[in-house]
C-alpha cells in the first residue's frame, strides 16, 4: 500500500504541473497600455480589464482584446455623380478609434467593417449633394460634413470618427478640357480688364496734362525743351525739329521773321 502511495504522489505532481502549464497562459494575460480586454464569464459580459496583468478563470472566462489606438480605413475609389450631374471618381480615408471597448464588442458584429461601409455610403450621399466647384474648392467643408455624419452613425457602437479626408477626385477627360478652356477664358478676361483699366488711367492722365498745359502755356515749352534734350542725347546725324513761333515771342514782333531769315 505504501509503495502504491509512493508511486501515486509523483504522478499527481506531474499531472498538476502539466495542468498548471496548460492553464497558466489562460489564467494570466498581460495587456499593454493601448489595449483593453473585454471579459465574458460563462457567456455573460463581466467588464473591460487592463492595462497590465489580467487574471482569468480557465474555461469559465473568455477575453477579447481591443486596440484603443487611432486606426485608418481606406475607402476604395468609387464613381458617383455630383449635384450638377458631373461624373467623378472619389476615394477617401477615415481616422477613428474605439472609445468604449465593451460597446464595440457587444453592439456590433464587426465595428471595423461596419465603419468602412458607413463611410462608403456616406461618401456617395454627400458627393451627390455637392456641386463640382464646391468639391474642388471647398474640400474642408466636405470633409467636415463627412466626419459629422459618419461619427453620428458610429457613436452607438462606441467608435469615435476623428476625421474623414477626401483624397483624390478624378474627372473625365472631357471635363478636364472644358475646365482648361474655362480657365483660359477667365485669364483672357482678366487681361482685357487690366488693359482697359490701364488705357483709362492713361487717358485720364492725358486729360489732366492737357488741362495743366491750357492753364499754363509755358509748360508746353518746357516739355518741348525736354524732348529736344532727349533727342539730342541719341546718336543721329540729322535731326529735324519743329519750332513753334510762340517760342520766339519774347524777342518781339521781328524776332520770328529774323529767325526765319537766318534759317
C-alpha atoms as a PDB file:
ATOM      1  CA  UNK A   1       0.000   0.000   0.000  1.00  0.00           C
ATOM      2  CA  UNK A   2       2.794   2.334   0.878  1.00  0.00           C
ATOM      3  CA  UNK A   3       4.503   1.501  -2.369  1.00  0.00           C
ATOM      4  CA  UNK A   4       1.309   2.422  -4.291  1.00  0.00           C
ATOM      5  CA  UNK A   5       1.099   5.742  -2.472  1.00  0.00           C
ATOM      6  CA  UNK A   6       4.751   6.406  -3.240  1.00  0.00           C
ATOM      7  CA  UNK A   7       4.056   5.888  -6.929  1.00  0.00           C
ATOM      8  CA  UNK A   8       0.844   7.980  -6.988  1.00  0.00           C
ATOM      9  CA  UNK A   9       2.373  11.004  -5.295  1.00  0.00           C
ATOM     10  CA  UNK A  10       4.891  11.763  -8.086  1.00  0.00           C
ATOM     11  CA  UNK A  11       2.216  11.103 -10.688  1.00  0.00           C
ATOM     12  CA  UNK A  12      -0.074  13.631  -9.030  1.00  0.00           C
ATOM     13  CA  UNK A  13       2.682  16.200  -9.064  1.00  0.00           C
ATOM     14  CA  UNK A  14       3.384  15.525 -12.710  1.00  0.00           C
ATOM     15  CA  UNK A  15      -0.311  15.875 -13.586  1.00  0.00           C
ATOM     16  CA  UNK A  16      -0.526  19.087 -11.543  1.00  0.00           C
ATOM     17  CA  UNK A  17       2.481  20.550 -13.298  1.00  0.00           C
ATOM     18  CA  UNK A  18       1.072  19.609 -16.704  1.00  0.00           C
ATOM     19  CA  UNK A  19      -2.312  21.132 -15.881  1.00  0.00           C
ATOM     20  CA  UNK A  20      -0.677  24.247 -14.482  1.00  0.00           C
ATOM     21  CA  UNK A  21       1.456  24.621 -17.593  1.00  0.00           C
ATOM     22  CA  UNK A  22      -1.587  24.190 -19.811  1.00  0.00           C
ATOM     23  CA  UNK A  23      -3.874  26.582 -17.932  1.00  0.00           C
ATOM     24  CA  UNK A  24      -1.344  29.168 -16.781  1.00  0.00           C
ATOM     25  CA  UNK A  25      -1.289  31.065 -20.140  1.00  0.00           C
ATOM     26  CA  UNK A  26      -5.086  31.187 -19.994  1.00  0.00           C
ATOM     27  CA  UNK A  27      -5.103  32.430 -16.399  1.00  0.00           C
ATOM     28  CA  UNK A  28      -2.612  35.279 -16.695  1.00  0.00           C
ATOM     29  CA  UNK A  29      -2.688  37.819 -19.505  1.00  0.00           C
ATOM     30  CA  UNK A  30      -0.583  40.950 -19.835  1.00  0.00           C
ATOM     31  CA  UNK A  31      -2.088  43.862 -21.788  1.00  0.00           C
ATOM     32  CA  UNK A  32      -0.131  46.936 -22.967  1.00  0.00           C
ATOM     33  CA  UNK A  33      -1.309  50.485 -22.330  1.00  0.00           C
ATOM     34  CA  UNK A  34      -3.150  50.788 -25.648  1.00  0.00           C
ATOM     35  CA  UNK A  35      -5.191  47.576 -25.223  1.00  0.00           C
ATOM     36  CA  UNK A  36      -8.180  46.563 -23.143  1.00  0.00           C
ATOM     37  CA  UNK A  37      -9.583  43.096 -22.508  1.00  0.00           C
ATOM     38  CA  UNK A  38     -13.358  42.595 -22.547  1.00  0.00           C
ATOM     39  CA  UNK A  39     -14.016  39.612 -20.271  1.00  0.00           C
ATOM     40  CA  UNK A  40     -17.004  37.275 -20.623  1.00  0.00           C
ATOM     41  CA  UNK A  41     -17.754  34.812 -17.811  1.00  0.00           C
ATOM     42  CA  UNK A  42     -19.851  31.873 -18.941  1.00  0.00           C
ATOM     43  CA  UNK A  43     -21.072  33.976 -21.865  1.00  0.00           C
ATOM     44  CA  UNK A  44     -22.093  36.976 -19.768  1.00  0.00           C
ATOM     45  CA  UNK A  45     -20.302  40.316 -20.073  1.00  0.00           C
ATOM     46  CA  UNK A  46     -18.186  40.907 -16.987  1.00  0.00           C
ATOM     47  CA  UNK A  47     -16.234  44.100 -17.674  1.00  0.00           C
ATOM     48  CA  UNK A  48     -13.260  45.521 -19.538  1.00  0.00           C
ATOM     49  CA  UNK A  49      -9.897  44.975 -17.856  1.00  0.00           C
ATOM     50  CA  UNK A  50      -6.405  46.295 -18.366  1.00  0.00           C
ATOM     51  CA  UNK A  51      -3.838  47.533 -18.976  1.00  0.00           C
ATOM     52  CA  UNK A  52      -1.395  45.379 -17.050  1.00  0.00           C
ATOM     53  CA  UNK A  53      -1.868  41.891 -15.620  1.00  0.00           C
ATOM     54  CA  UNK A  54      -5.327  40.350 -16.051  1.00  0.00           C
ATOM     55  CA  UNK A  55      -6.298  37.208 -14.117  1.00  0.00           C
ATOM     56  CA  UNK A  56      -8.837  34.862 -15.697  1.00  0.00           C
ATOM     57  CA  UNK A  57     -10.535  31.663 -14.628  1.00  0.00           C
ATOM     58  CA  UNK A  58      -9.692  28.910 -17.128  1.00  0.00           C
ATOM     59  CA  UNK A  59     -12.595  27.515 -19.168  1.00  0.00           C
ATOM     60  CA  UNK A  60     -15.001  29.875 -17.371  1.00  0.00           C
ATOM     61  CA  UNK A  61     -13.654  33.231 -18.608  1.00  0.00           C
ATOM     62  CA  UNK A  62     -13.048  34.357 -22.183  1.00  0.00           C
ATOM     63  CA  UNK A  63     -11.299  37.619 -23.056  1.00  0.00           C
ATOM     64  CA  UNK A  64     -11.492  39.632 -26.279  1.00  0.00           C
ATOM     65  CA  UNK A  65      -8.678  42.121 -26.865  1.00  0.00           C
ATOM     66  CA  UNK A  66      -9.500  45.611 -28.117  1.00  0.00           C
ATOM     67  CA  UNK A  67      -6.994  48.107 -29.542  1.00  0.00           C
ATOM     68  CA  UNK A  68      -7.678  51.716 -28.484  1.00  0.00           C
ATOM     69  CA  UNK A  69      -5.227  53.398 -30.855  1.00  0.00           C
ATOM     70  CA  UNK A  70      -6.300  55.506 -33.837  1.00  0.00           C
ATOM     71  CA  UNK A  71      -6.910  53.285 -36.859  1.00  0.00           C
ATOM     72  CA  UNK A  72      -7.422  54.128 -40.532  1.00  0.00           C
ATOM     73  CA  UNK A  73      -9.753  52.806 -43.195  1.00  0.00           C
ATOM     74  CA  UNK A  74      -9.155  53.322 -46.902  1.00  0.00           C
ATOM     75  CA  UNK A  75     -12.446  53.888 -48.695  1.00  0.00           C
ATOM     76  CA  UNK A  76     -11.963  52.452 -52.184  1.00  0.00           C
ATOM     77  CA  UNK A  77     -12.431  54.662 -55.219  1.00  0.00           C
ATOM     78  CA  UNK A  78     -15.988  54.674 -56.485  1.00  0.00           C
ATOM     79  CA  UNK A  79     -17.678  56.508 -59.322  1.00  0.00           C
ATOM     80  CA  UNK A  80     -20.567  58.792 -58.449  1.00  0.00           C
ATOM     81  CA  UNK A  81     -22.484  61.824 -59.702  1.00  0.00           C
ATOM     82  CA  UNK A  82     -22.276  65.281 -58.226  1.00  0.00           C
ATOM     83  CA  UNK A  83     -25.250  67.546 -57.701  1.00  0.00           C
ATOM     84  CA  UNK A  84     -24.681  69.223 -61.087  1.00  0.00           C
ATOM     85  CA  UNK A  85     -24.582  65.819 -62.855  1.00  0.00           C
ATOM     86  CA  UNK A  86     -20.819  65.551 -63.326  1.00  0.00           C
ATOM     87  CA  UNK A  87     -19.376  62.009 -63.057  1.00  0.00           C
ATOM     88  CA  UNK A  88     -16.415  61.854 -60.669  1.00  0.00           C
ATOM     89  CA  UNK A  89     -14.358  59.080 -59.106  1.00  0.00           C
ATOM     90  CA  UNK A  90     -13.576  59.724 -55.433  1.00  0.00           C
ATOM     91  CA  UNK A  91     -11.758  57.887 -52.654  1.00  0.00           C
ATOM     92  CA  UNK A  92     -11.254  58.797 -49.011  1.00  0.00           C
ATOM     93  CA  UNK A  93      -9.583  57.795 -45.765  1.00  0.00           C
ATOM     94  CA  UNK A  94     -11.264  57.512 -42.345  1.00  0.00           C
ATOM     95  CA  UNK A  95      -9.490  58.022 -38.999  1.00  0.00           C
ATOM     96  CA  UNK A  96     -11.241  56.520 -35.975  1.00  0.00           C
ATOM     97  CA  UNK A  97     -10.637  54.972 -32.573  1.00  0.00           C
ATOM     98  CA  UNK A  98     -12.580  52.811 -30.127  1.00  0.00           C
ATOM     99  CA  UNK A  99     -13.760  54.824 -27.147  1.00  0.00           C
ATOM    100  CA  UNK A 100     -15.877  52.158 -25.423  1.00  0.00           C
ATOM    101  CA  UNK A 101     -14.434  48.669 -25.859  1.00  0.00           C
ATOM    102  CA  UNK A 102     -17.425  46.927 -24.280  1.00  0.00           C
ATOM    103  CA  UNK A 103     -19.930  48.614 -26.601  1.00  0.00           C
ATOM    104  CA  UNK A 104     -17.759  47.972 -29.662  1.00  0.00           C
ATOM    105  CA  UNK A 105     -17.841  44.232 -28.893  1.00  0.00           C
ATOM    106  CA  UNK A 106     -21.443  43.835 -27.784  1.00  0.00           C
ATOM    107  CA  UNK A 107     -23.382  46.239 -30.039  1.00  0.00           C
ATOM    108  CA  UNK A 108     -21.923  45.357 -33.447  1.00  0.00           C
ATOM    109  CA  UNK A 109     -20.538  42.189 -35.002  1.00  0.00           C
ATOM    110  CA  UNK A 110     -17.537  43.799 -36.711  1.00  0.00           C
ATOM    111  CA  UNK A 111     -17.141  47.508 -35.978  1.00  0.00           C
ATOM    112  CA  UNK A 112     -14.272  47.854 -38.471  1.00  0.00           C
ATOM    113  CA  UNK A 113     -16.297  46.569 -41.429  1.00  0.00           C
ATOM    114  CA  UNK A 114     -19.385  48.451 -40.291  1.00  0.00           C
ATOM    115  CA  UNK A 115     -17.467  51.733 -40.098  1.00  0.00           C
ATOM    116  CA  UNK A 116     -15.985  51.186 -43.555  1.00  0.00           C
ATOM    117  CA  UNK A 117     -19.398  50.517 -45.116  1.00  0.00           C
ATOM    118  CA  UNK A 118     -20.941  53.532 -43.399  1.00  0.00           C
ATOM    119  CA  UNK A 119     -18.106  55.684 -44.741  1.00  0.00           C
ATOM    120  CA  UNK A 120     -18.653  54.405 -48.293  1.00  0.00           C
ATOM    121  CA  UNK A 121     -22.382  55.085 -48.324  1.00  0.00           C
ATOM    122  CA  UNK A 122     -21.966  58.470 -46.635  1.00  0.00           C
ATOM    123  CA  UNK A 123     -19.310  59.485 -49.151  1.00  0.00           C
ATOM    124  CA  UNK A 124     -21.633  58.686 -52.044  1.00  0.00           C
ATOM    125  CA  UNK A 125     -24.518  60.560 -50.404  1.00  0.00           C
ATOM    126  CA  UNK A 126     -22.528  63.705 -49.602  1.00  0.00           C
ATOM    127  CA  UNK A 127     -20.868  63.880 -53.032  1.00  0.00           C
ATOM    128  CA  UNK A 128     -24.292  63.528 -54.640  1.00  0.00           C
ATOM    129  CA  UNK A 129     -25.440  66.628 -52.747  1.00  0.00           C
ATOM    130  CA  UNK A 130     -22.337  68.697 -53.573  1.00  0.00           C
ATOM    131  CA  UNK A 131     -21.586  70.605 -56.766  1.00  0.00           C
ATOM    132  CA  UNK A 132     -18.290  70.050 -58.541  1.00  0.00           C
ATOM    133  CA  UNK A 133     -16.949  73.553 -57.856  1.00  0.00           C
ATOM    134  CA  UNK A 134     -17.582  73.151 -54.119  1.00  0.00           C
ATOM    135  CA  UNK A 135     -15.984  69.709 -54.139  1.00  0.00           C
ATOM    136  CA  UNK A 136     -12.812  71.106 -55.693  1.00  0.00           C
ATOM    137  CA  UNK A 137     -12.583  74.450 -53.904  1.00  0.00           C
ATOM    138  CA  UNK A 138     -14.214  73.753 -50.522  1.00  0.00           C
ATOM    139  CA  UNK A 139     -12.717  70.386 -49.653  1.00  0.00           C
ATOM    140  CA  UNK A 140     -12.526  71.203 -45.933  1.00  0.00           C
ATOM    141  CA  UNK A 141     -16.273  71.743 -45.657  1.00  0.00           C
ATOM    142  CA  UNK A 142     -16.960  68.453 -47.449  1.00  0.00           C
ATOM    143  CA  UNK A 143     -14.559  66.611 -45.125  1.00  0.00           C
ATOM    144  CA  UNK A 144     -16.158  68.135 -42.047  1.00  0.00           C
ATOM    145  CA  UNK A 145     -19.632  67.154 -43.205  1.00  0.00           C
ATOM    146  CA  UNK A 146     -18.479  63.594 -43.875  1.00  0.00           C
ATOM    147  CA  UNK A 147     -16.888  63.351 -40.439  1.00  0.00           C
ATOM    148  CA  UNK A 148     -20.006  64.601 -38.661  1.00  0.00           C
ATOM    149  CA  UNK A 149     -22.331  62.162 -40.439  1.00  0.00           C
ATOM    150  CA  UNK A 150     -20.105  59.094 -40.054  1.00  0.00           C
ATOM    151  CA  UNK A 151     -19.361  59.904 -36.409  1.00  0.00           C
ATOM    152  CA  UNK A 152     -23.060  60.234 -35.656  1.00  0.00           C
ATOM    153  CA  UNK A 153     -23.692  56.799 -37.181  1.00  0.00           C
ATOM    154  CA  UNK A 154     -20.849  55.048 -35.327  1.00  0.00           C
ATOM    155  CA  UNK A 155     -21.381  56.674 -31.919  1.00  0.00           C
ATOM    156  CA  UNK A 156     -23.787  53.911 -30.691  1.00  0.00           C
ATOM    157  CA  UNK A 157     -21.007  51.395 -31.372  1.00  0.00           C
ATOM    158  CA  UNK A 158     -18.517  53.126 -29.082  1.00  0.00           C
ATOM    159  CA  UNK A 159     -16.444  54.285 -32.073  1.00  0.00           C
ATOM    160  CA  UNK A 160     -15.270  57.887 -32.451  1.00  0.00           C
ATOM    161  CA  UNK A 161     -14.520  59.071 -36.007  1.00  0.00           C
ATOM    162  CA  UNK A 162     -11.929  61.826 -35.705  1.00  0.00           C
ATOM    163  CA  UNK A 163     -11.571  62.743 -39.378  1.00  0.00           C
ATOM    164  CA  UNK A 164     -12.674  61.826 -42.882  1.00  0.00           C
ATOM    165  CA  UNK A 165     -10.489  63.105 -45.720  1.00  0.00           C
ATOM    166  CA  UNK A 166     -11.289  63.004 -49.438  1.00  0.00           C
ATOM    167  CA  UNK A 167      -8.007  62.021 -51.084  1.00  0.00           C
ATOM    168  CA  UNK A 168      -8.455  62.108 -54.861  1.00  0.00           C
ATOM    169  CA  UNK A 169     -11.132  63.470 -57.174  1.00  0.00           C
ATOM    170  CA  UNK A 170     -10.731  62.067 -60.698  1.00  0.00           C
ATOM    171  CA  UNK A 171     -12.560  63.878 -63.503  1.00  0.00           C
ATOM    172  CA  UNK A 172     -13.305  62.637 -67.034  1.00  0.00           C
ATOM    173  CA  UNK A 173     -11.071  63.957 -69.806  1.00  0.00           C
ATOM    174  CA  UNK A 174     -13.879  65.959 -71.418  1.00  0.00           C
ATOM    175  CA  UNK A 175     -14.483  67.788 -68.156  1.00  0.00           C
ATOM    176  CA  UNK A 176     -10.765  68.489 -67.746  1.00  0.00           C
ATOM    177  CA  UNK A 177     -10.620  70.052 -71.218  1.00  0.00           C
ATOM    178  CA  UNK A 178     -13.741  72.112 -70.536  1.00  0.00           C
ATOM    179  CA  UNK A 179     -12.268  73.376 -67.252  1.00  0.00           C
ATOM    180  CA  UNK A 180      -9.000  74.228 -69.027  1.00  0.00           C
ATOM    181  CA  UNK A 181     -10.894  76.270 -71.627  1.00  0.00           C
ATOM    182  CA  UNK A 182     -12.855  77.998 -68.907  1.00  0.00           C
ATOM    183  CA  UNK A 183      -9.670  78.877 -67.013  1.00  0.00           C
ATOM    184  CA  UNK A 184      -8.062  80.210 -70.201  1.00  0.00           C
ATOM    185  CA  UNK A 185     -11.118  82.357 -70.952  1.00  0.00           C
ATOM    186  CA  UNK A 186     -11.056  83.681 -67.404  1.00  0.00           C
ATOM    187  CA  UNK A 187      -7.386  84.653 -67.742  1.00  0.00           C
ATOM    188  CA  UNK A 188      -8.085  86.422 -71.046  1.00  0.00           C
ATOM    189  CA  UNK A 189     -10.992  88.289 -69.462  1.00  0.00           C
ATOM    190  CA  UNK A 190      -8.803  89.479 -66.596  1.00  0.00           C
ATOM    191  CA  UNK A 191      -6.052  90.536 -69.019  1.00  0.00           C
ATOM    192  CA  UNK A 192      -8.540  92.608 -71.039  1.00  0.00           C
ATOM    193  CA  UNK A 193      -9.883  94.229 -67.889  1.00  0.00           C
ATOM    194  CA  UNK A 194      -6.375  95.134 -66.743  1.00  0.00           C
ATOM    195  CA  UNK A 195      -5.534  96.518 -70.207  1.00  0.00           C
ATOM    196  CA  UNK A 196      -8.735  98.578 -70.294  1.00  0.00           C
ATOM    197  CA  UNK A 197      -8.044  99.964 -66.833  1.00  0.00           C
ATOM    198  CA  UNK A 198      -4.546 100.936 -67.955  1.00  0.00           C
ATOM    199  CA  UNK A 199      -5.898 102.718 -71.049  1.00  0.00           C
ATOM    200  CA  UNK A 200      -8.471 104.531 -68.903  1.00  0.00           C
ATOM    201  CA  UNK A 201      -5.840 105.707 -66.452  1.00  0.00           C
ATOM    202  CA  UNK A 202      -3.554 106.821 -69.286  1.00  0.00           C
ATOM    203  CA  UNK A 203      -6.389 108.795 -70.914  1.00  0.00           C
ATOM    204  CA  UNK A 204      -7.259 110.344 -67.569  1.00  0.00           C
ATOM    205  CA  UNK A 205      -3.665 111.456 -67.075  1.00  0.00           C
ATOM    206  CA  UNK A 206      -3.579 112.913 -70.594  1.00  0.00           C
ATOM    207  CA  UNK A 207      -6.732 114.915 -69.877  1.00  0.00           C
ATOM    208  CA  UNK A 208      -5.165 116.236 -66.696  1.00  0.00           C
ATOM    209  CA  UNK A 209      -1.976 117.136 -68.582  1.00  0.00           C
ATOM    210  CA  UNK A 210      -3.980 118.930 -71.290  1.00  0.00           C
ATOM    211  CA  UNK A 211      -5.793 120.922 -68.596  1.00  0.00           C
ATOM    212  CA  UNK A 212      -2.488 121.937 -66.992  1.00  0.00           C
ATOM    213  CA  UNK A 213      -0.994 122.985 -70.359  1.00  0.00           C
ATOM    214  CA  UNK A 214      -4.103 125.000 -71.178  1.00  0.00           C
ATOM    215  CA  UNK A 215      -3.838 126.763 -67.823  1.00  0.00           C
ATOM    216  CA  UNK A 216      -0.046 127.252 -68.071  1.00  0.00           C
ATOM    217  CA  UNK A 217       1.148 127.507 -71.743  1.00  0.00           C
ATOM    218  CA  UNK A 218       4.753 127.754 -70.585  1.00  0.00           C
ATOM    219  CA  UNK A 219       4.517 124.081 -69.602  1.00  0.00           C
ATOM    220  CA  UNK A 220       4.298 123.148 -73.285  1.00  0.00           C
ATOM    221  CA  UNK A 221       7.533 124.965 -73.982  1.00  0.00           C
ATOM    222  CA  UNK A 222       9.279 123.258 -71.076  1.00  0.00           C
ATOM    223  CA  UNK A 223       8.092 119.913 -72.361  1.00  0.00           C
ATOM    224  CA  UNK A 224       9.362 120.795 -75.822  1.00  0.00           C
ATOM    225  CA  UNK A 225      12.801 121.669 -74.477  1.00  0.00           C
ATOM    226  CA  UNK A 226      12.925 118.429 -72.519  1.00  0.00           C
ATOM    227  CA  UNK A 227      12.072 116.489 -75.683  1.00  0.00           C
ATOM    228  CA  UNK A 228      14.876 118.295 -77.573  1.00  0.00           C
ATOM    229  CA  UNK A 229      17.317 117.294 -74.872  1.00  0.00           C
ATOM    230  CA  UNK A 230      16.264 113.653 -75.058  1.00  0.00           C
ATOM    231  CA  UNK A 231      16.545 113.592 -78.847  1.00  0.00           C
ATOM    232  CA  UNK A 232      19.950 115.305 -78.769  1.00  0.00           C
ATOM    233  CA  UNK A 233      21.325 112.614 -76.470  1.00  0.00           C
ATOM    234  CA  UNK A 234      20.751 109.978 -79.176  1.00  0.00           C
ATOM    235  CA  UNK A 235      23.428 109.380 -81.828  1.00  0.00           C
ATOM    236  CA  UNK A 236      21.949 110.632 -85.049  1.00  0.00           C
ATOM    237  CA  UNK A 237      23.477 112.505 -87.999  1.00  0.00           C
ATOM    238  CA  UNK A 238      20.435 114.685 -88.661  1.00  0.00           C
ATOM    239  CA  UNK A 239      17.518 115.672 -86.520  1.00  0.00           C
ATOM    240  CA  UNK A 240      14.507 117.678 -87.665  1.00  0.00           C
ATOM    241  CA  UNK A 241      12.615 119.562 -85.001  1.00  0.00           C
ATOM    242  CA  UNK A 242       9.503 121.692 -85.445  1.00  0.00           C
ATOM    243  CA  UNK A 243       9.916 125.090 -83.796  1.00  0.00           C
ATOM    244  CA  UNK A 244       6.708 126.778 -82.648  1.00  0.00           C
ATOM    245  CA  UNK A 245       6.658 130.526 -83.306  1.00  0.00           C
ATOM    246  CA  UNK A 246       5.410 131.115 -79.788  1.00  0.00           C
ATOM    247  CA  UNK A 247       8.845 130.102 -78.596  1.00  0.00           C
ATOM    248  CA  UNK A 248      10.302 133.360 -80.030  1.00  0.00           C
ATOM    249  CA  UNK A 249       7.575 135.686 -78.836  1.00  0.00           C
ATOM    250  CA  UNK A 250       9.802 137.180 -76.112  1.00  0.00           C
ATOM    251  CA  UNK A 251      12.053 138.605 -78.836  1.00  0.00           C
ATOM    252  CA  UNK A 252       9.347 140.951 -80.127  1.00  0.00           C
ATOM    253  CA  UNK A 253       7.480 141.185 -83.412  1.00  0.00           C
ATOM    254  CA  UNK A 254      10.568 140.947 -85.525  1.00  0.00           C
ATOM    255  CA  UNK A 255      12.112 138.098 -83.686  1.00  0.00           C
ATOM    256  CA  UNK A 256      10.253 135.394 -85.575  1.00  0.00           C
ATOM    257  CA  UNK A 257      10.914 136.896 -89.017  1.00  0.00           C
ATOM    258  CA  UNK A 258      14.585 137.378 -88.254  1.00  0.00           C
ATOM    259  CA  UNK A 259      14.936 133.811 -87.123  1.00  0.00           C
ATOM    260  CA  UNK A 260      13.148 132.631 -90.243  1.00  0.00           C
ATOM    261  CA  UNK A 261      15.502 134.621 -92.467  1.00  0.00           C
ATOM    262  CA  UNK A 262      18.521 133.248 -90.614  1.00  0.00           C
ATOM    263  CA  UNK A 263      17.284 129.726 -91.066  1.00  0.00           C
END
